[in-house]
């Protein structure tokens, strides 16, 4: 009886596909580009350090059998220390990147939620859903939200 009562009242329901919005909206694309620019130098430095470590390790594997025990142990300690430093730097990079991604994503989501609210109020929606198991495509207002989000500053 409750669904029939809602239908008689003319309840308007809309749906926003958050994943698509975060993929297709200009503010989300701009945030992604900003992150790539911000972290590309560090990522290249890490890639270079990883390559250098691999080269040193390969060289050690080739030359190790011909080294004296003390040389081999010294070189092994150096490689272990280099690897430890490399892993630490990679962890820091990943933590910094994840932190910044969260910040940027939250800004985009805050802005998107304001736009969803504006669309809902302007078009007299009673409910806007962001997650559902099934949505009839006629209820999907994602394109409207993306268009408004792209135009909103």
C-alpha atoms as a PDB file:
ATOM      1  CA  UNK A   1       0.000   0.000   0.000  1.00  0.00           C
ATOM      2  CA  UNK A   2       2.877   2.379   0.686  1.00  0.00           C
ATOM      3  CA  UNK A   3       4.267   2.236  -2.912  1.00  0.00           C
ATOM      4  CA  UNK A   4       0.794   2.992  -4.297  1.00  0.00           C
ATOM      5  CA  UNK A   5       0.487   5.954  -1.938  1.00  0.00           C
ATOM      6  CA  UNK A   6       3.858   7.282  -3.098  1.00  0.00           C
ATOM      7  CA  UNK A   7       2.907   6.929  -6.750  1.00  0.00           C
ATOM      8  CA  UNK A   8      -0.288   8.899  -6.180  1.00  0.00           C
ATOM      9  CA  UNK A   9       1.649  11.672  -4.471  1.00  0.00           C
ATOM     10  CA  UNK A  10       3.897  11.990  -7.538  1.00  0.00           C
ATOM     11  CA  UNK A  11       7.194  11.340  -5.773  1.00  0.00           C
ATOM     12  CA  UNK A  12      10.109  12.132  -8.109  1.00  0.00           C
ATOM     13  CA  UNK A  13      13.144   9.928  -7.818  1.00  0.00           C
ATOM     14  CA  UNK A  14      16.459  10.398  -9.583  1.00  0.00           C
ATOM     15  CA  UNK A  15      19.712   8.507  -9.719  1.00  0.00           C
ATOM     16  CA  UNK A  16      23.319   9.713 -10.130  1.00  0.00           C
ATOM     17  CA  UNK A  17      26.040   7.280 -11.173  1.00  0.00           C
ATOM     18  CA  UNK A  18      28.898   8.527  -8.991  1.00  0.00           C
ATOM     19  CA  UNK A  19      31.570   6.444 -10.731  1.00  0.00           C
ATOM     20  CA  UNK A  20      30.615   7.822 -14.143  1.00  0.00           C
ATOM     21  CA  UNK A  21      30.404  11.339 -12.762  1.00  0.00           C
ATOM     22  CA  UNK A  22      33.901  11.049 -11.261  1.00  0.00           C
ATOM     23  CA  UNK A  23      35.217   9.661 -14.536  1.00  0.00           C
ATOM     24  CA  UNK A  24      33.503  12.038 -16.997  1.00  0.00           C
ATOM     25  CA  UNK A  25      33.045  15.383 -15.225  1.00  0.00           C
ATOM     26  CA  UNK A  26      35.592  18.093 -16.015  1.00  0.00           C
ATOM     27  CA  UNK A  27      36.386  18.894 -12.350  1.00  0.00           C
ATOM     28  CA  UNK A  28      37.269  15.214 -11.784  1.00  0.00           C
ATOM     29  CA  UNK A  29      39.445  15.138 -14.910  1.00  0.00           C
ATOM     30  CA  UNK A  30      41.140  18.362 -13.819  1.00  0.00           C
ATOM     31  CA  UNK A  31      41.829  16.912 -10.358  1.00  0.00           C
ATOM     32  CA  UNK A  32      43.358  13.801 -11.951  1.00  0.00           C
ATOM     33  CA  UNK A  33      45.557  15.918 -14.237  1.00  0.00           C
ATOM     34  CA  UNK A  34      46.628  18.038 -11.257  1.00  0.00           C
ATOM     35  CA  UNK A  35      47.657  14.923  -9.338  1.00  0.00           C
ATOM     36  CA  UNK A  36      49.554  13.508 -12.299  1.00  0.00           C
ATOM     37  CA  UNK A  37      51.452  16.760 -12.708  1.00  0.00           C
ATOM     38  CA  UNK A  38      52.130  17.036  -8.988  1.00  0.00           C
ATOM     39  CA  UNK A  39      53.461  13.484  -8.619  1.00  0.00           C
ATOM     40  CA  UNK A  40      55.018  12.732 -12.013  1.00  0.00           C
ATOM     41  CA  UNK A  41      58.515  13.951 -11.080  1.00  0.00           C
ATOM     42  CA  UNK A  42      58.643  11.828  -7.925  1.00  0.00           C
ATOM     43  CA  UNK A  43      57.272   8.835  -9.808  1.00  0.00           C
ATOM     44  CA  UNK A  44      59.983   9.176 -12.472  1.00  0.00           C
ATOM     45  CA  UNK A  45      62.640   9.474  -9.756  1.00  0.00           C
ATOM     46  CA  UNK A  46      61.322   6.303  -8.112  1.00  0.00           C
ATOM     47  CA  UNK A  47      61.282   4.478 -11.448  1.00  0.00           C
ATOM     48  CA  UNK A  48      64.890   5.517 -12.053  1.00  0.00           C
ATOM     49  CA  UNK A  49      65.912   4.413  -8.546  1.00  0.00           C
ATOM     50  CA  UNK A  50      64.188   1.060  -9.066  1.00  0.00           C
ATOM     51  CA  UNK A  51      65.975   0.582 -12.373  1.00  0.00           C
ATOM     52  CA  UNK A  52      69.329   1.489 -10.792  1.00  0.00           C
ATOM     53  CA  UNK A  53      68.713  -0.963  -7.948  1.00  0.00           C
ATOM     54  CA  UNK A  54      67.810  -3.735 -10.406  1.00  0.00           C
ATOM     55  CA  UNK A  55      70.943  -3.018 -12.451  1.00  0.00           C
ATOM     56  CA  UNK A  56      73.129  -3.112  -9.329  1.00  0.00           C
ATOM     57  CA  UNK A  57      71.500  -6.349  -8.198  1.00  0.00           C
ATOM     58  CA  UNK A  58      72.007  -7.960 -11.619  1.00  0.00           C
ATOM     59  CA  UNK A  59      75.647  -6.841 -11.631  1.00  0.00           C
ATOM     60  CA  UNK A  60      76.104  -8.326  -8.163  1.00  0.00           C
ATOM     61  CA  UNK A  61      74.595 -11.632  -9.349  1.00  0.00           C
ATOM     62  CA  UNK A  62      77.089 -11.716 -12.242  1.00  0.00           C
ATOM     63  CA  UNK A  63      80.153 -10.530 -10.334  1.00  0.00           C
ATOM     64  CA  UNK A  64      79.402 -12.035  -6.906  1.00  0.00           C
ATOM     65  CA  UNK A  65      80.988 -15.434  -7.543  1.00  0.00           C
ATOM     66  CA  UNK A  66      84.324 -13.819  -8.443  1.00  0.00           C
ATOM     67  CA  UNK A  67      84.430 -11.485  -5.406  1.00  0.00           C
ATOM     68  CA  UNK A  68      86.118 -12.145  -2.123  1.00  0.00           C
ATOM     69  CA  UNK A  69      83.844 -12.939   0.828  1.00  0.00           C
ATOM     70  CA  UNK A  70      84.333  -9.489   2.376  1.00  0.00           C
ATOM     71  CA  UNK A  71      83.620  -7.710  -0.913  1.00  0.00           C
ATOM     72  CA  UNK A  72      80.508  -9.853  -1.459  1.00  0.00           C
ATOM     73  CA  UNK A  73      79.210  -9.175   2.080  1.00  0.00           C
ATOM     74  CA  UNK A  74      79.876  -5.443   1.753  1.00  0.00           C
ATOM     75  CA  UNK A  75      78.112  -5.314  -1.603  1.00  0.00           C
ATOM     76  CA  UNK A  76      75.194  -7.353  -0.247  1.00  0.00           C
ATOM     77  CA  UNK A  77      74.763  -4.985   2.701  1.00  0.00           C
ATOM     78  CA  UNK A  78      74.822  -2.022   0.311  1.00  0.00           C
ATOM     79  CA  UNK A  79      72.148  -3.635  -1.880  1.00  0.00           C
ATOM     80  CA  UNK A  80      69.975  -4.449   1.120  1.00  0.00           C
ATOM     81  CA  UNK A  81      70.289  -0.869   2.370  1.00  0.00           C
ATOM     82  CA  UNK A  82      69.512   0.535  -1.100  1.00  0.00           C
ATOM     83  CA  UNK A  83      66.479  -1.734  -1.344  1.00  0.00           C
ATOM     84  CA  UNK A  84      65.272  -0.706   2.108  1.00  0.00           C
ATOM     85  CA  UNK A  85      65.621   2.982   1.195  1.00  0.00           C
ATOM     86  CA  UNK A  86      63.872   2.405  -2.123  1.00  0.00           C
ATOM     87  CA  UNK A  87      60.951   0.602  -0.423  1.00  0.00           C
ATOM     88  CA  UNK A  88      60.664   3.404   2.161  1.00  0.00           C
ATOM     89  CA  UNK A  89      60.585   6.066  -0.557  1.00  0.00           C
ATOM     90  CA  UNK A  90      58.007   4.090  -2.532  1.00  0.00           C
ATOM     91  CA  UNK A  91      55.783   3.714   0.557  1.00  0.00           C
ATOM     92  CA  UNK A  92      56.027   7.446   1.293  1.00  0.00           C
ATOM     93  CA  UNK A  93      55.187   8.227  -2.319  1.00  0.00           C
ATOM     94  CA  UNK A  94      52.144   5.936  -2.245  1.00  0.00           C
ATOM     95  CA  UNK A  95      50.951   7.380   1.077  1.00  0.00           C
ATOM     96  CA  UNK A  96      51.347  10.960  -0.182  1.00  0.00           C
ATOM     97  CA  UNK A  97      49.598  10.117  -3.439  1.00  0.00           C
ATOM     98  CA  UNK A  98      46.705   8.390  -1.669  1.00  0.00           C
ATOM     99  CA  UNK A  99      46.344  11.289   0.744  1.00  0.00           C
ATOM    100  CA  UNK A 100      46.243  13.860  -2.069  1.00  0.00           C
ATOM    101  CA  UNK A 101      43.840  11.693  -4.095  1.00  0.00           C
ATOM    102  CA  UNK A 102      41.509  11.607  -1.111  1.00  0.00           C
ATOM    103  CA  UNK A 103      41.709  15.391  -0.719  1.00  0.00           C
ATOM    104  CA  UNK A 104      41.033  16.028  -4.405  1.00  0.00           C
ATOM    105  CA  UNK A 105      38.256  13.429  -4.547  1.00  0.00           C
ATOM    106  CA  UNK A 106      36.577  14.945  -1.504  1.00  0.00           C
ATOM    107  CA  UNK A 107      36.634  18.414  -3.103  1.00  0.00           C
ATOM    108  CA  UNK A 108      35.076  17.034  -6.299  1.00  0.00           C
ATOM    109  CA  UNK A 109      32.461  15.092  -4.323  1.00  0.00           C
ATOM    110  CA  UNK A 110      31.555  18.123  -2.208  1.00  0.00           C
ATOM    111  CA  UNK A 111      31.099  20.174  -5.347  1.00  0.00           C
ATOM    112  CA  UNK A 112      29.144  17.370  -7.036  1.00  0.00           C
ATOM    113  CA  UNK A 113      26.834  17.009  -4.045  1.00  0.00           C
ATOM    114  CA  UNK A 114      26.074  20.743  -4.164  1.00  0.00           C
ATOM    115  CA  UNK A 115      25.262  20.427  -7.879  1.00  0.00           C
ATOM    116  CA  UNK A 116      23.078  17.350  -7.278  1.00  0.00           C
ATOM    117  CA  UNK A 117      21.214  19.282  -4.602  1.00  0.00           C
ATOM    118  CA  UNK A 118      20.745  22.245  -6.988  1.00  0.00           C
ATOM    119  CA  UNK A 119      19.428  19.982  -9.762  1.00  0.00           C
ATOM    120  CA  UNK A 120      17.129  18.211  -7.293  1.00  0.00           C
ATOM    121  CA  UNK A 121      15.712  21.488  -6.000  1.00  0.00           C
ATOM    122  CA  UNK A 122      15.366  23.075  -9.443  1.00  0.00           C
ATOM    123  CA  UNK A 123      13.589  20.050 -10.911  1.00  0.00           C
ATOM    124  CA  UNK A 124      11.585  19.206  -7.777  1.00  0.00           C
ATOM    125  CA  UNK A 125      13.069  15.763  -7.050  1.00  0.00           C
ATOM    126  CA  UNK A 126      12.111  14.197  -3.742  1.00  0.00           C
ATOM    127  CA  UNK A 127      14.968  11.675  -3.637  1.00  0.00           C
ATOM    128  CA  UNK A 128      18.288  11.360  -5.470  1.00  0.00           C
ATOM    129  CA  UNK A 129      20.054   8.015  -5.068  1.00  0.00           C
ATOM    130  CA  UNK A 130      23.742   7.447  -5.667  1.00  0.00           C
ATOM    131  CA  UNK A 131      23.902   3.687  -5.239  1.00  0.00           C
ATOM    132  CA  UNK A 132      21.417   1.020  -6.176  1.00  0.00           C
ATOM    133  CA  UNK A 133      21.339  -2.574  -7.362  1.00  0.00           C
ATOM    134  CA  UNK A 134      19.122  -1.663 -10.301  1.00  0.00           C
ATOM    135  CA  UNK A 135      17.987   1.661 -11.719  1.00  0.00           C
ATOM    136  CA  UNK A 136      15.621   2.223 -14.596  1.00  0.00           C
ATOM    137  CA  UNK A 137      17.566   4.375 -17.092  1.00  0.00           C
ATOM    138  CA  UNK A 138      14.743   6.935 -17.195  1.00  0.00           C
ATOM    139  CA  UNK A 139      15.565   7.854 -13.574  1.00  0.00           C
ATOM    140  CA  UNK A 140      19.267   8.450 -14.328  1.00  0.00           C
ATOM    141  CA  UNK A 141      20.097  12.164 -14.105  1.00  0.00           C
ATOM    142  CA  UNK A 142      23.873  11.665 -14.232  1.00  0.00           C
ATOM    143  CA  UNK A 143      24.183  13.501 -17.567  1.00  0.00           C
ATOM    144  CA  UNK A 144      22.346  16.536 -16.157  1.00  0.00           C
ATOM    145  CA  UNK A 145      24.617  16.568 -13.121  1.00  0.00           C
ATOM    146  CA  UNK A 146      27.784  16.225 -15.222  1.00  0.00           C
ATOM    147  CA  UNK A 147      26.618  19.040 -17.494  1.00  0.00           C
ATOM    148  CA  UNK A 148      25.847  21.262 -14.483  1.00  0.00           C
ATOM    149  CA  UNK A 149      29.107  20.289 -12.799  1.00  0.00           C
ATOM    150  CA  UNK A 150      31.092  21.120 -15.929  1.00  0.00           C
ATOM    151  CA  UNK A 151      29.412  24.518 -16.053  1.00  0.00           C
ATOM    152  CA  UNK A 152      29.652  25.209 -12.304  1.00  0.00           C
ATOM    153  CA  UNK A 153      32.748  26.990 -11.012  1.00  0.00           C
END
